[in-house]
């Protein structure tokens, strides 16, 4: 029991001072990415169709920690789209139920791990497919492509552009 409890103690936190330059690049990338999606939604689609809640979390990864394995393009795109497919399937089989909610998130995690595309916002995309309401449900099997896939491609394009403008950043670290 003592060994089990000692695992929970954790390690001392190494605090680095905030790098303003890095924080501003993260801010600029997130602003540009979300602005691009919002503008495209409003002007091309005349709706908020491209905007999904999980894109906020994706922004944190691809703009604030672009070197993270969870932020690489393959993970962002396929982790999100596969998870969205799982969510649509769960909704279509079980409706908006507690079991559908639990299955959508847990199966999305399983699929992402088995395909080596873990991207935490993907689980949110799966959840949104179940609890997203009539507009999301009406999209059916289009939801993984539009808004999730198209939105991820757009955000990745902005992330590649913005992160590589900074001399101290490189994105992606790898494509596979």
N, C-alpha and C. Protein backbone atom coordinates (compact mmCIF):
# COMPACT_ATOMS: atom_id res chain seq x y z
N UNK A 1 0.82 -1.20 0.00
CA UNK A 1 0.00 0.00 0.00
C UNK A 1 0.87 1.27 0.00
N UNK A 2 1.97 1.21 0.74
CA UNK A 2 2.85 2.37 0.82
C UNK A 2 3.43 2.70 -0.56
N UNK A 3 3.83 1.69 -1.33
CA UNK A 3 4.37 1.90 -2.68
C UNK A 3 3.32 2.51 -3.58
N UNK A 4 2.10 2.00 -3.48
CA UNK A 4 1.00 2.52 -4.30
C UNK A 4 0.77 4.00 -4.01
N UNK A 5 0.70 4.36 -2.74
CA UNK A 5 0.47 5.76 -2.36
C UNK A 5 1.66 6.65 -2.71
N UNK A 6 2.87 6.11 -2.65
CA UNK A 6 4.04 6.93 -2.96
C UNK A 6 4.09 7.31 -4.44
N UNK A 7 3.44 6.54 -5.30
CA UNK A 7 3.38 6.88 -6.72
C UNK A 7 2.64 8.20 -6.94
N UNK A 8 1.75 8.52 -6.05
CA UNK A 8 0.90 9.71 -6.20
C UNK A 8 1.58 10.99 -5.72
N UNK A 9 2.73 10.85 -5.12
CA UNK A 9 3.43 12.01 -4.59
C UNK A 9 3.91 12.94 -5.69
N UNK A 10 4.29 12.37 -6.82
CA UNK A 10 4.74 13.18 -7.95
C UNK A 10 6.17 13.64 -7.79
N UNK A 11 6.61 14.38 -8.77
CA UNK A 11 7.96 14.93 -8.81
C UNK A 11 7.89 16.43 -8.55
N UNK A 12 8.97 17.01 -8.06
CA UNK A 12 8.98 18.47 -7.88
C UNK A 12 8.80 19.17 -9.23
N UNK A 13 8.10 20.27 -9.22
CA UNK A 13 7.83 21.03 -10.43
C UNK A 13 9.03 21.88 -10.79
N UNK A 14 9.45 21.79 -12.04
CA UNK A 14 10.52 22.64 -12.56
C UNK A 14 9.85 23.84 -13.22
N UNK A 15 9.94 24.98 -12.62
CA UNK A 15 9.28 26.17 -13.17
C UNK A 15 10.26 26.98 -14.00
N UNK A 16 9.93 27.14 -15.26
CA UNK A 16 10.71 28.00 -16.13
C UNK A 16 9.96 29.32 -16.27
N UNK A 17 10.71 30.38 -16.35
CA UNK A 17 10.06 31.68 -16.54
C UNK A 17 9.41 31.71 -17.90
N UNK A 18 8.27 32.34 -17.95
CA UNK A 18 7.54 32.44 -19.21
C UNK A 18 8.37 33.17 -20.25
N UNK A 19 8.44 32.60 -21.42
CA UNK A 19 9.14 33.23 -22.53
C UNK A 19 8.11 34.04 -23.32
N UNK A 20 8.18 35.36 -23.19
CA UNK A 20 7.21 36.22 -23.85
C UNK A 20 7.18 36.03 -25.35
N UNK A 21 8.35 35.83 -25.92
CA UNK A 21 8.42 35.65 -27.36
C UNK A 21 7.63 34.41 -27.78
N UNK A 22 7.81 33.31 -27.07
CA UNK A 22 7.10 32.08 -27.38
C UNK A 22 5.60 32.23 -27.12
N UNK A 23 5.27 32.87 -26.01
CA UNK A 23 3.85 33.07 -25.68
C UNK A 23 3.16 33.92 -26.73
N UNK A 24 3.84 34.94 -27.24
CA UNK A 24 3.23 35.79 -28.27
C UNK A 24 3.05 35.04 -29.59
N UNK A 25 4.01 34.17 -29.96
CA UNK A 25 3.84 33.36 -31.16
C UNK A 25 2.66 32.41 -31.00
N UNK A 26 2.51 31.83 -29.81
CA UNK A 26 1.37 30.95 -29.54
C UNK A 26 0.07 31.71 -29.66
N UNK A 27 0.03 32.91 -29.08
CA UNK A 27 -1.17 33.74 -29.17
C UNK A 27 -1.48 34.07 -30.63
N UNK A 28 -0.47 34.50 -31.36
CA UNK A 28 -0.69 34.88 -32.76
C UNK A 28 -1.19 33.69 -33.58
N UNK A 29 -0.60 32.53 -33.39
CA UNK A 29 -1.03 31.34 -34.12
C UNK A 29 -2.46 30.96 -33.81
N UNK A 30 -2.80 30.93 -32.52
CA UNK A 30 -4.17 30.58 -32.13
C UNK A 30 -5.16 31.61 -32.66
N UNK A 31 -4.81 32.88 -32.58
CA UNK A 31 -5.69 33.94 -33.10
C UNK A 31 -5.89 33.77 -34.60
N UNK A 32 -4.80 33.59 -35.34
CA UNK A 32 -4.88 33.46 -36.80
C UNK A 32 -5.65 32.20 -37.21
N UNK A 33 -5.39 31.09 -36.53
CA UNK A 33 -6.09 29.85 -36.85
C UNK A 33 -7.57 29.93 -36.61
N UNK A 34 -7.96 30.43 -35.45
CA UNK A 34 -9.40 30.52 -35.14
C UNK A 34 -10.08 31.60 -35.98
N UNK A 35 -9.35 32.67 -36.30
CA UNK A 35 -9.91 33.70 -37.16
C UNK A 35 -10.15 33.15 -38.56
N UNK A 36 -9.22 32.36 -39.07
CA UNK A 36 -9.38 31.77 -40.41
C UNK A 36 -10.60 30.86 -40.46
N UNK A 37 -10.76 30.03 -39.45
CA UNK A 37 -11.93 29.13 -39.42
C UNK A 37 -13.21 29.93 -39.28
N UNK A 38 -13.22 30.92 -38.40
CA UNK A 38 -14.42 31.74 -38.19
C UNK A 38 -14.77 32.52 -39.43
N UNK A 39 -13.77 33.11 -40.09
CA UNK A 39 -14.03 33.89 -41.29
C UNK A 39 -14.57 33.00 -42.40
N UNK A 40 -13.94 31.84 -42.59
CA UNK A 40 -14.40 30.92 -43.62
C UNK A 40 -15.82 30.45 -43.35
N UNK A 41 -16.12 30.16 -42.10
CA UNK A 41 -17.47 29.74 -41.74
C UNK A 41 -18.50 30.82 -42.03
N UNK A 42 -18.17 32.03 -41.64
CA UNK A 42 -19.13 33.13 -41.80
C UNK A 42 -19.31 33.56 -43.25
N UNK A 43 -18.23 33.57 -44.02
CA UNK A 43 -18.30 34.10 -45.38
C UNK A 43 -18.52 33.06 -46.46
N UNK A 44 -18.01 31.87 -46.26
CA UNK A 44 -18.16 30.84 -47.27
C UNK A 44 -19.39 29.99 -47.02
N UNK A 45 -19.60 29.65 -45.74
CA UNK A 45 -20.69 28.76 -45.40
C UNK A 45 -21.89 29.48 -44.79
N UNK A 46 -21.75 30.75 -44.49
CA UNK A 46 -22.81 31.55 -43.87
C UNK A 46 -23.33 30.91 -42.58
N UNK A 47 -22.44 30.30 -41.83
CA UNK A 47 -22.84 29.69 -40.57
C UNK A 47 -21.62 29.50 -39.68
N UNK A 48 -21.84 28.90 -38.54
CA UNK A 48 -20.75 28.56 -37.64
C UNK A 48 -20.37 27.09 -37.80
N UNK A 49 -20.68 26.52 -38.95
CA UNK A 49 -20.53 25.10 -39.19
C UNK A 49 -19.12 24.57 -39.00
N UNK A 50 -18.11 25.33 -39.33
CA UNK A 50 -16.73 24.85 -39.21
C UNK A 50 -16.19 24.89 -37.79
N UNK A 51 -16.89 25.53 -36.90
CA UNK A 51 -16.35 25.72 -35.56
C UNK A 51 -16.82 24.61 -34.63
N UNK A 52 -15.85 23.89 -34.07
CA UNK A 52 -16.12 22.79 -33.15
C UNK A 52 -15.35 23.09 -31.87
N UNK A 53 -15.94 22.81 -30.74
CA UNK A 53 -15.31 23.11 -29.45
C UNK A 53 -13.93 22.50 -29.28
N UNK A 54 -13.70 21.34 -29.87
CA UNK A 54 -12.40 20.69 -29.71
C UNK A 54 -11.27 21.47 -30.38
N UNK A 55 -11.61 22.41 -31.28
CA UNK A 55 -10.57 23.21 -31.95
C UNK A 55 -9.85 24.13 -30.97
N UNK A 56 -10.49 24.50 -29.89
CA UNK A 56 -9.80 25.30 -28.87
C UNK A 56 -8.66 24.52 -28.26
N UNK A 57 -8.91 23.26 -27.95
CA UNK A 57 -7.86 22.41 -27.37
C UNK A 57 -6.79 22.08 -28.40
N UNK A 58 -7.20 21.87 -29.65
CA UNK A 58 -6.21 21.63 -30.71
C UNK A 58 -5.29 22.84 -30.84
N UNK A 59 -5.86 24.03 -30.71
CA UNK A 59 -5.05 25.26 -30.79
C UNK A 59 -3.97 25.29 -29.72
N UNK A 60 -4.31 24.87 -28.51
CA UNK A 60 -3.31 24.84 -27.44
C UNK A 60 -2.14 23.96 -27.86
N UNK A 61 -2.44 22.81 -28.41
CA UNK A 61 -1.37 21.88 -28.78
C UNK A 61 -0.54 22.37 -29.96
N UNK A 62 -1.18 22.75 -31.07
CA UNK A 62 -0.40 23.06 -32.27
C UNK A 62 0.27 24.43 -32.24
N UNK A 63 -0.20 25.34 -31.39
CA UNK A 63 0.42 26.66 -31.31
C UNK A 63 1.26 26.85 -30.05
N UNK A 64 0.87 26.26 -28.92
CA UNK A 64 1.62 26.47 -27.69
C UNK A 64 2.67 25.39 -27.43
N UNK A 65 2.42 24.17 -27.87
CA UNK A 65 3.41 23.09 -27.69
C UNK A 65 3.56 22.32 -29.02
N UNK A 66 4.01 23.02 -30.07
CA UNK A 66 4.06 22.40 -31.39
C UNK A 66 5.01 21.22 -31.52
N UNK A 67 5.93 21.05 -30.58
CA UNK A 67 6.85 19.91 -30.64
C UNK A 67 6.25 18.65 -30.01
N UNK A 68 5.12 18.78 -29.36
CA UNK A 68 4.49 17.63 -28.71
C UNK A 68 4.11 16.56 -29.74
N UNK A 69 4.32 15.30 -29.41
CA UNK A 69 3.89 14.23 -30.32
C UNK A 69 2.38 14.29 -30.57
N UNK A 70 1.62 14.78 -29.62
CA UNK A 70 0.16 14.87 -29.76
C UNK A 70 -0.28 16.00 -30.68
N UNK A 71 0.66 16.88 -31.06
CA UNK A 71 0.35 18.04 -31.89
C UNK A 71 0.79 17.88 -33.34
N UNK A 72 1.31 16.73 -33.70
CA UNK A 72 1.82 16.54 -35.05
C UNK A 72 0.66 16.34 -36.04
N UNK A 73 0.85 16.73 -37.29
CA UNK A 73 -0.26 16.73 -38.25
C UNK A 73 -1.03 15.41 -38.35
N UNK A 74 -0.33 14.29 -38.37
CA UNK A 74 -1.02 13.00 -38.46
C UNK A 74 -1.96 12.81 -37.28
N UNK A 75 -1.50 13.15 -36.09
CA UNK A 75 -2.32 13.00 -34.89
C UNK A 75 -3.51 13.95 -34.91
N UNK A 76 -3.24 15.21 -35.28
CA UNK A 76 -4.31 16.21 -35.30
C UNK A 76 -5.41 15.78 -36.27
N UNK A 77 -5.03 15.49 -37.50
CA UNK A 77 -6.03 15.20 -38.52
C UNK A 77 -6.71 13.85 -38.31
N UNK A 78 -5.93 12.79 -38.23
CA UNK A 78 -6.53 11.46 -38.15
C UNK A 78 -7.10 11.16 -36.77
N UNK A 79 -6.45 11.64 -35.72
CA UNK A 79 -7.00 11.45 -34.38
C UNK A 79 -8.37 12.12 -34.25
N UNK A 80 -8.49 13.31 -34.80
CA UNK A 80 -9.76 14.03 -34.73
C UNK A 80 -10.83 13.39 -35.61
N UNK A 81 -10.47 13.06 -36.86
CA UNK A 81 -11.46 12.51 -37.78
C UNK A 81 -11.91 11.11 -37.38
N UNK A 82 -10.98 10.26 -36.99
CA UNK A 82 -11.38 8.91 -36.56
C UNK A 82 -12.26 8.97 -35.32
N UNK A 83 -11.91 9.84 -34.40
CA UNK A 83 -12.73 10.00 -33.19
C UNK A 83 -14.12 10.53 -33.52
N UNK A 84 -14.19 11.47 -34.45
CA UNK A 84 -15.49 11.99 -34.86
C UNK A 84 -16.35 10.89 -35.47
N UNK A 85 -15.73 10.00 -36.25
CA UNK A 85 -16.47 8.86 -36.81
C UNK A 85 -17.00 7.96 -35.71
N UNK A 86 -16.18 7.70 -34.72
CA UNK A 86 -16.61 6.88 -33.58
C UNK A 86 -17.81 7.54 -32.91
N UNK A 87 -17.73 8.85 -32.69
CA UNK A 87 -18.83 9.57 -32.05
C UNK A 87 -20.12 9.50 -32.84
N UNK A 88 -20.02 9.67 -34.16
CA UNK A 88 -21.22 9.59 -35.01
C UNK A 88 -21.83 8.20 -34.91
N UNK A 89 -20.99 7.18 -34.97
CA UNK A 89 -21.49 5.81 -34.85
C UNK A 89 -22.19 5.57 -33.53
N UNK A 90 -21.60 6.05 -32.45
CA UNK A 90 -22.21 5.89 -31.12
C UNK A 90 -23.56 6.61 -31.05
N UNK A 91 -23.61 7.83 -31.59
CA UNK A 91 -24.88 8.56 -31.58
C UNK A 91 -25.94 7.82 -32.40
N UNK A 92 -25.55 7.36 -33.59
CA UNK A 92 -26.54 6.72 -34.46
C UNK A 92 -27.04 5.40 -33.88
N UNK A 93 -26.21 4.71 -33.15
CA UNK A 93 -26.64 3.44 -32.55
C UNK A 93 -27.39 3.63 -31.24
N UNK A 94 -26.98 4.62 -30.44
CA UNK A 94 -27.49 4.71 -29.07
C UNK A 94 -28.17 6.03 -28.73
N UNK A 95 -28.14 7.01 -29.65
CA UNK A 95 -28.74 8.31 -29.36
C UNK A 95 -27.94 9.08 -28.33
N UNK A 96 -28.58 10.06 -27.74
CA UNK A 96 -27.92 10.88 -26.71
C UNK A 96 -28.20 10.21 -25.37
N UNK A 97 -27.35 9.26 -25.03
CA UNK A 97 -27.50 8.51 -23.78
C UNK A 97 -26.18 8.50 -23.05
N UNK A 98 -26.24 8.13 -21.78
CA UNK A 98 -25.02 8.04 -20.97
C UNK A 98 -24.06 7.00 -21.56
N UNK A 99 -24.61 5.90 -22.05
CA UNK A 99 -23.77 4.86 -22.63
C UNK A 99 -23.09 5.38 -23.91
N UNK A 100 -23.83 6.12 -24.74
CA UNK A 100 -23.25 6.69 -25.97
C UNK A 100 -22.13 7.66 -25.63
N UNK A 101 -22.33 8.48 -24.62
CA UNK A 101 -21.31 9.43 -24.19
C UNK A 101 -20.05 8.69 -23.75
N UNK A 102 -20.23 7.71 -22.86
CA UNK A 102 -19.08 6.97 -22.34
C UNK A 102 -18.38 6.18 -23.45
N UNK A 103 -19.15 5.53 -24.31
CA UNK A 103 -18.55 4.76 -25.40
C UNK A 103 -17.83 5.64 -26.41
N UNK A 104 -18.41 6.80 -26.73
CA UNK A 104 -17.79 7.67 -27.73
C UNK A 104 -16.39 8.09 -27.30
N UNK A 105 -16.24 8.49 -26.06
CA UNK A 105 -14.94 8.94 -25.57
C UNK A 105 -13.98 7.76 -25.41
N UNK A 106 -14.45 6.69 -24.79
CA UNK A 106 -13.55 5.55 -24.53
C UNK A 106 -13.15 4.84 -25.82
N UNK A 107 -14.08 4.67 -26.75
CA UNK A 107 -13.73 4.04 -28.03
C UNK A 107 -12.82 4.95 -28.88
N UNK A 108 -13.04 6.25 -28.79
CA UNK A 108 -12.16 7.18 -29.52
C UNK A 108 -10.73 7.04 -29.01
N UNK A 109 -10.56 6.95 -27.71
CA UNK A 109 -9.23 6.77 -27.13
C UNK A 109 -8.62 5.45 -27.62
N UNK A 110 -9.42 4.40 -27.60
CA UNK A 110 -8.94 3.10 -28.06
C UNK A 110 -8.50 3.16 -29.53
N UNK A 111 -9.33 3.73 -30.38
CA UNK A 111 -9.01 3.83 -31.81
C UNK A 111 -7.76 4.68 -32.02
N UNK A 112 -7.66 5.80 -31.33
CA UNK A 112 -6.47 6.64 -31.49
C UNK A 112 -5.21 5.92 -31.04
N UNK A 113 -5.29 5.18 -29.94
CA UNK A 113 -4.11 4.45 -29.47
C UNK A 113 -3.72 3.34 -30.45
N UNK A 114 -4.70 2.63 -30.97
CA UNK A 114 -4.40 1.53 -31.89
C UNK A 114 -3.87 2.03 -33.23
N UNK A 115 -4.25 3.23 -33.63
CA UNK A 115 -3.79 3.79 -34.91
C UNK A 115 -2.60 4.74 -34.73
N UNK A 116 -2.12 4.90 -33.51
CA UNK A 116 -0.99 5.78 -33.20
C UNK A 116 -1.28 7.22 -33.64
N UNK A 117 -2.50 7.67 -33.37
CA UNK A 117 -2.91 9.03 -33.73
C UNK A 117 -3.51 9.76 -32.53
N UNK A 118 -2.97 9.53 -31.35
CA UNK A 118 -3.56 10.13 -30.14
C UNK A 118 -3.48 11.65 -30.21
N UNK A 119 -4.63 12.26 -30.09
CA UNK A 119 -4.79 13.72 -30.08
C UNK A 119 -5.94 13.99 -29.12
N UNK A 120 -5.66 14.42 -27.88
CA UNK A 120 -6.72 14.55 -26.87
C UNK A 120 -7.99 15.27 -27.35
N UNK A 121 -7.89 16.35 -28.13
CA UNK A 121 -9.13 16.97 -28.61
C UNK A 121 -9.98 16.04 -29.48
N UNK A 122 -9.39 14.97 -29.99
CA UNK A 122 -10.17 13.99 -30.75
C UNK A 122 -11.28 13.39 -29.91
N UNK A 123 -10.99 13.11 -28.64
CA UNK A 123 -12.03 12.57 -27.77
C UNK A 123 -13.16 13.57 -27.59
N UNK A 124 -12.82 14.85 -27.59
CA UNK A 124 -13.86 15.89 -27.51
C UNK A 124 -14.70 15.90 -28.79
N UNK A 125 -14.05 15.69 -29.94
CA UNK A 125 -14.79 15.63 -31.22
C UNK A 125 -15.79 14.47 -31.19
N UNK A 126 -15.39 13.35 -30.60
CA UNK A 126 -16.29 12.20 -30.47
C UNK A 126 -17.47 12.55 -29.55
N UNK A 127 -17.17 13.18 -28.44
CA UNK A 127 -18.21 13.58 -27.50
C UNK A 127 -19.19 14.57 -28.13
N UNK A 128 -18.66 15.54 -28.86
CA UNK A 128 -19.50 16.54 -29.52
C UNK A 128 -20.44 15.88 -30.52
N UNK A 129 -19.99 14.82 -31.19
CA UNK A 129 -20.86 14.11 -32.13
C UNK A 129 -22.09 13.54 -31.43
N UNK A 130 -21.95 13.21 -30.17
CA UNK A 130 -23.07 12.65 -29.41
C UNK A 130 -23.93 13.75 -28.78
N UNK A 131 -23.31 14.73 -28.15
CA UNK A 131 -24.07 15.72 -27.38
C UNK A 131 -24.20 17.06 -28.09
N UNK A 132 -23.75 17.15 -29.33
CA UNK A 132 -23.68 18.43 -30.05
C UNK A 132 -25.00 19.04 -30.44
N UNK A 133 -26.09 18.34 -30.34
CA UNK A 133 -27.38 18.91 -30.65
C UNK A 133 -27.80 18.68 -32.09
N UNK A 134 -28.97 19.21 -32.44
CA UNK A 134 -29.57 18.94 -33.75
C UNK A 134 -28.71 19.33 -34.96
N UNK A 135 -27.99 20.45 -34.87
CA UNK A 135 -27.15 20.86 -36.01
C UNK A 135 -26.04 19.85 -36.28
N UNK A 136 -25.40 19.39 -35.23
CA UNK A 136 -24.33 18.40 -35.38
C UNK A 136 -24.93 17.06 -35.82
N UNK A 137 -26.02 16.65 -35.19
CA UNK A 137 -26.65 15.37 -35.53
C UNK A 137 -27.12 15.35 -36.98
N UNK A 138 -27.57 16.48 -37.49
CA UNK A 138 -28.05 16.55 -38.88
C UNK A 138 -26.91 16.31 -39.88
N UNK A 139 -25.68 16.59 -39.48
CA UNK A 139 -24.55 16.36 -40.37
C UNK A 139 -24.28 14.87 -40.58
N UNK A 140 -24.63 14.06 -39.61
CA UNK A 140 -24.42 12.62 -39.73
C UNK A 140 -22.97 12.29 -40.03
N UNK A 141 -22.76 11.45 -41.04
CA UNK A 141 -21.41 10.99 -41.38
C UNK A 141 -20.58 12.06 -42.06
N UNK A 142 -21.16 13.22 -42.35
CA UNK A 142 -20.38 14.34 -42.88
C UNK A 142 -19.61 15.04 -41.76
N UNK A 143 -20.04 14.91 -40.53
CA UNK A 143 -19.39 15.59 -39.40
C UNK A 143 -17.88 15.33 -39.33
N UNK A 144 -17.39 14.09 -39.51
CA UNK A 144 -15.93 13.90 -39.46
C UNK A 144 -15.19 14.65 -40.56
N UNK A 145 -15.84 14.89 -41.68
CA UNK A 145 -15.18 15.61 -42.78
C UNK A 145 -15.39 17.11 -42.65
N UNK A 146 -16.62 17.53 -42.48
CA UNK A 146 -16.97 18.95 -42.36
C UNK A 146 -17.90 19.09 -41.16
N UNK A 147 -17.43 19.56 -40.09
CA UNK A 147 -16.38 20.54 -39.86
C UNK A 147 -15.02 19.99 -39.43
N UNK A 148 -14.96 18.77 -38.89
CA UNK A 148 -13.74 18.32 -38.22
C UNK A 148 -12.53 18.25 -39.16
N UNK A 149 -12.62 17.52 -40.25
CA UNK A 149 -11.48 17.35 -41.14
C UNK A 149 -11.04 18.64 -41.79
N UNK A 150 -11.99 19.37 -42.37
CA UNK A 150 -11.66 20.62 -43.06
C UNK A 150 -11.10 21.64 -42.06
N UNK A 151 -11.70 21.71 -40.89
CA UNK A 151 -11.20 22.63 -39.86
C UNK A 151 -9.79 22.29 -39.42
N UNK A 152 -9.50 21.00 -39.25
CA UNK A 152 -8.15 20.58 -38.85
C UNK A 152 -7.13 20.91 -39.94
N UNK A 153 -7.50 20.67 -41.19
CA UNK A 153 -6.58 20.98 -42.30
C UNK A 153 -6.28 22.48 -42.31
N UNK A 154 -7.30 23.29 -42.12
CA UNK A 154 -7.11 24.75 -42.10
C UNK A 154 -6.22 25.17 -40.94
N UNK A 155 -6.49 24.63 -39.75
CA UNK A 155 -5.66 24.98 -38.59
C UNK A 155 -4.23 24.50 -38.76
N UNK A 156 -4.04 23.33 -39.36
CA UNK A 156 -2.69 22.82 -39.59
C UNK A 156 -1.93 23.70 -40.57
N UNK A 157 -2.62 24.18 -41.60
CA UNK A 157 -1.98 25.09 -42.55
C UNK A 157 -1.49 26.35 -41.87
N UNK A 158 -2.33 26.92 -41.01
CA UNK A 158 -1.93 28.12 -40.27
C UNK A 158 -0.79 27.79 -39.32
N UNK A 159 -0.85 26.62 -38.66
CA UNK A 159 0.21 26.24 -37.71
C UNK A 159 1.55 26.07 -38.42
N UNK A 160 1.54 25.47 -39.60
CA UNK A 160 2.79 25.30 -40.36
C UNK A 160 3.35 26.67 -40.75
N UNK A 161 2.49 27.55 -41.21
CA UNK A 161 2.92 28.88 -41.62
C UNK A 161 3.44 29.69 -40.44
N UNK A 162 2.66 29.82 -39.39
CA UNK A 162 3.01 30.67 -38.25
C UNK A 162 4.19 30.12 -37.47
N UNK A 163 4.17 28.83 -37.15
CA UNK A 163 5.25 28.27 -36.33
C UNK A 163 6.60 28.33 -37.04
N UNK A 164 6.61 28.24 -38.35
CA UNK A 164 7.88 28.29 -39.08
C UNK A 164 8.33 29.71 -39.41
N UNK A 165 7.47 30.70 -39.20
CA UNK A 165 7.90 32.10 -39.32
C UNK A 165 8.86 32.47 -38.19
N UNK A 166 8.65 31.87 -37.03
CA UNK A 166 9.51 32.14 -35.88
C UNK A 166 10.81 31.36 -36.03
N UNK A 167 11.93 32.03 -35.82
CA UNK A 167 13.23 31.38 -35.98
C UNK A 167 13.45 30.26 -34.98
N UNK A 168 12.84 30.37 -33.81
CA UNK A 168 13.07 29.40 -32.75
C UNK A 168 12.06 28.25 -32.75
N UNK A 169 11.18 28.19 -33.74
CA UNK A 169 10.18 27.13 -33.81
C UNK A 169 10.31 26.33 -35.09
N UNK A 170 9.86 25.10 -35.01
CA UNK A 170 9.82 24.23 -36.18
C UNK A 170 8.56 23.39 -36.08
N UNK A 171 7.78 23.38 -37.14
CA UNK A 171 6.56 22.58 -37.14
C UNK A 171 6.26 22.14 -38.56
N UNK A 172 5.96 20.90 -38.75
CA UNK A 172 5.89 19.82 -37.76
C UNK A 172 7.27 19.28 -37.44
N UNK A 173 7.34 18.56 -36.33
CA UNK A 173 8.57 17.89 -35.96
C UNK A 173 8.72 16.65 -36.85
N UNK A 174 7.60 16.00 -37.13
CA UNK A 174 7.58 14.87 -38.05
C UNK A 174 6.18 14.75 -38.67
N UNK A 175 6.09 14.11 -39.82
CA UNK A 175 4.82 13.96 -40.51
C UNK A 175 4.17 12.61 -40.22
N UNK A 176 4.89 11.62 -39.80
CA UNK A 176 4.31 10.30 -39.60
C UNK A 176 3.91 10.05 -38.17
